Protein backbone atom coordinates (compact mmCIF):
# COMPACT_ATOMS: atom_id res chain seq x y z
CA MET A 1 88.51 239.49 23.75
CA LYS A 2 86.06 236.86 24.38
CA ALA A 3 87.93 235.98 27.39
CA ARG A 4 87.88 239.59 28.74
CA GLY A 5 83.90 239.49 28.33
CA LEU A 6 83.68 236.53 30.46
CA VAL A 7 85.66 237.96 33.04
CA LEU A 8 82.89 240.66 33.32
CA ALA A 9 80.74 238.83 33.05
CA LEU A 10 81.71 237.05 36.19
CA PHE A 11 82.44 240.63 37.56
CA LEU A 12 78.77 241.73 36.89
CA VAL A 13 77.01 239.05 38.23
CA SER A 14 78.87 239.07 40.95
CA ALA A 15 78.57 242.82 41.59
CA ILE A 16 74.76 242.90 40.48
CA ALA A 17 74.41 239.41 43.51
CA GLY A 18 75.97 241.45 45.92
CA SER A 19 73.78 244.18 45.61
CA ALA A 20 70.59 242.05 45.71
CA GLN A 21 71.54 241.07 48.82
CA GLN A 22 71.21 244.59 50.32
CA ALA A 23 67.81 244.59 48.77
CA VAL A 24 66.23 241.13 50.42
CA GLN A 25 66.35 238.92 53.34
CA ILE A 26 68.98 236.31 52.47
CA THR A 27 69.25 233.32 54.83
CA VAL A 28 72.94 232.07 55.00
CA THR A 29 73.51 228.86 54.19
CA PRO A 30 76.91 227.09 55.08
CA LEU A 31 79.42 226.61 52.61
CA THR A 32 80.17 223.00 50.65
CA ASP A 33 82.85 221.43 49.52
CA ASP A 34 80.75 221.66 45.83
CA ASP A 35 80.15 225.00 46.43
CA ILE A 36 84.03 225.87 46.41
CA LYS A 37 84.42 223.43 43.55
CA LEU A 38 81.69 225.04 41.73
CA ILE A 39 83.99 228.22 42.30
CA ARG A 40 87.33 227.27 41.74
CA GLN A 41 85.97 225.54 38.31
CA ASP A 42 84.41 229.23 36.96
CA VAL A 43 87.98 230.63 37.23
CA GLN A 44 90.44 227.70 36.35
CA SER A 45 87.75 226.74 33.05
CA ILE A 46 88.65 230.54 31.76
CA LYS A 47 92.10 231.28 33.48
CA ASP A 48 94.02 229.84 31.09
CA ASP A 49 92.13 231.31 28.06
CA VAL A 50 92.04 235.08 29.96
CA ILE A 51 96.00 235.09 30.27
CA ARG A 52 96.41 233.85 26.45
CA ASP A 53 93.59 236.28 24.76
CA THR A 54 95.21 239.26 27.17
CA MET A 55 99.22 238.51 27.45
CA GLN A 56 98.96 237.74 23.06
CA PHE A 57 102.15 236.00 22.94
CA ASN A 58 104.47 235.30 20.39
CA ASN A 59 105.24 231.89 19.82
CA THR A 60 108.60 232.36 21.66
CA ASP A 61 107.43 233.90 24.13
CA ALA A 62 104.66 231.56 24.80
CA ALA A 63 107.37 228.54 24.98
CA ALA A 64 108.94 230.42 27.71
CA PHE A 65 106.21 231.65 29.18
CA TRP A 66 103.70 228.73 29.67
CA PRO A 67 106.50 226.33 31.50
CA VAL A 68 107.31 228.90 33.85
CA TYR A 69 103.22 229.30 34.63
CA LYS A 70 102.62 225.80 35.13
CA ALA A 71 105.11 225.33 37.72
CA TYR A 72 103.28 228.71 39.31
CA ALA A 73 99.98 227.64 38.93
CA ALA A 74 100.92 224.45 40.53
CA GLU A 75 101.96 226.10 43.63
CA GLN A 76 99.58 228.66 43.44
CA HIS A 77 96.94 225.97 43.39
CA ALA A 78 98.78 224.75 46.91
CA ILE A 79 98.42 227.46 48.57
CA ALA A 80 94.49 227.67 47.06
CA GLU A 81 94.11 224.29 49.19
CA LYS A 82 94.91 225.38 52.73
CA ARG A 83 92.86 228.67 51.56
CA PHE A 84 89.78 226.49 50.87
CA GLY A 85 90.72 224.21 54.03
CA ILE A 86 90.72 227.15 56.25
CA ILE A 87 86.93 228.09 54.52
CA LYS A 88 85.83 224.85 55.17
CA ASP A 89 87.12 224.75 58.80
CA TYR A 90 85.46 228.25 58.89
CA ALA A 91 82.00 226.77 57.49
CA ALA A 92 81.91 223.59 60.21
CA SER A 93 82.80 226.24 63.27
CA ILE A 94 80.80 229.33 61.66
CA ASP A 95 78.11 227.89 64.31
CA THR A 96 79.50 227.38 67.17
CA MET A 97 82.41 229.99 66.44
CA ASN A 98 84.68 231.25 69.89
CA ASP A 99 87.68 233.75 70.11
CA ALA A 100 90.52 231.06 69.58
CA THR A 101 88.63 229.44 66.56
CA ALA A 102 88.11 233.23 64.78
CA GLY A 103 91.87 233.57 65.91
CA ASP A 104 93.34 230.48 64.48
CA LEU A 105 91.26 231.26 61.50
CA THR A 106 92.66 234.55 61.26
CA GLN A 107 95.88 233.58 61.38
CA ARG A 108 96.08 230.77 59.10
CA MET A 109 94.19 233.06 56.48
CA PHE A 110 97.47 236.07 56.96
CA GLN A 111 99.87 232.80 56.54
CA VAL A 112 97.80 232.07 53.37
CA GLU A 113 98.02 235.68 52.03
CA ASP A 114 102.25 235.82 53.18
CA ASP A 115 102.15 232.72 50.96
CA THR A 116 100.49 234.04 48.06
CA LEU A 117 103.00 237.49 48.26
CA ALA A 118 105.75 235.24 48.74
CA LEU A 119 105.41 233.09 45.64
CA ARG A 120 104.41 236.45 43.66
CA LYS A 121 107.94 237.79 44.58
CA LYS A 122 109.62 234.25 43.82
CA TYR A 123 108.12 233.71 40.27
CA LEU A 124 108.73 237.92 39.05
CA PRO A 125 112.54 237.20 37.91
CA LYS A 126 111.70 233.42 36.49
CA PHE A 127 109.02 235.23 34.32
CA GLN A 128 111.06 238.08 33.86
CA THR A 129 113.55 236.13 32.43
CA ALA A 130 110.93 234.59 30.42
CA ILE A 131 109.30 237.41 29.10
CA GLY A 132 110.90 240.51 29.94
CA ALA A 133 109.73 242.94 33.05
CA LYS A 134 106.81 244.58 30.77
CA GLN A 135 105.59 241.42 30.27
CA ALA A 136 105.98 240.05 33.47
CA ALA A 137 104.24 243.23 34.77
CA LYS A 138 101.48 242.74 32.84
CA PHE A 139 100.96 238.86 33.53
CA TYR A 140 100.83 240.29 37.73
CA GLN A 141 97.94 242.59 36.78
CA VAL A 142 95.98 239.67 35.00
CA ASP A 143 96.70 237.45 37.71
CA ASN A 144 95.88 239.72 40.32
CA ARG A 145 92.66 240.46 38.41
CA LEU A 146 91.36 236.99 38.33
CA SER A 147 92.50 236.44 42.00
CA LEU A 148 90.08 239.72 42.78
CA ILE A 149 87.32 237.91 41.12
CA VAL A 150 87.72 234.60 43.06
CA ASN A 151 87.42 236.64 46.30
CA MET A 152 84.75 238.62 44.99
CA GLN A 153 82.92 235.31 44.45
CA LEU A 154 83.76 234.03 47.85
CA ALA A 155 82.84 237.13 49.55
CA SER A 156 79.58 236.76 48.03
CA VAL A 157 78.98 233.32 49.17
CA VAL A 158 80.67 233.04 52.75
CA PRO A 159 78.78 234.62 55.21
CA LEU A 160 80.38 237.11 57.91
CA ILE A 161 80.45 235.77 61.97
CA GLN A 162 77.97 236.39 63.70
């Protein structure tokens, strides 16, 4: 329950921050490596707790789930590294953005989205074997919600192309 409250709090802070941006003039500064690290740490620091609290595994399911999850999370992290590389390239070129750069960044982002979906599909049978189809579906709901939180945080700090 505590982790759900943290997730809800993160969501509300992001939503409030988004609403506040509409009401005041905002000066956008480029996203730094430190900004990206903080965003990632916010979610990573609670991710396992959220999964543990939400899934409420018994000992047998926990023993089967966590090794599969650790492998999944490692591959997920590798994809996230690509994504944050794209964001860094975007931030570096925001003032000099041209059509070619914008097109390249868009294609790279599509590839990250494709890789993310492929990873989820790849691991579904592994999670189903470990914890059953219903629990695997529940895990994917939790994983998706955590991804949405990260996406909301990024959307609130990454400026639109001018």
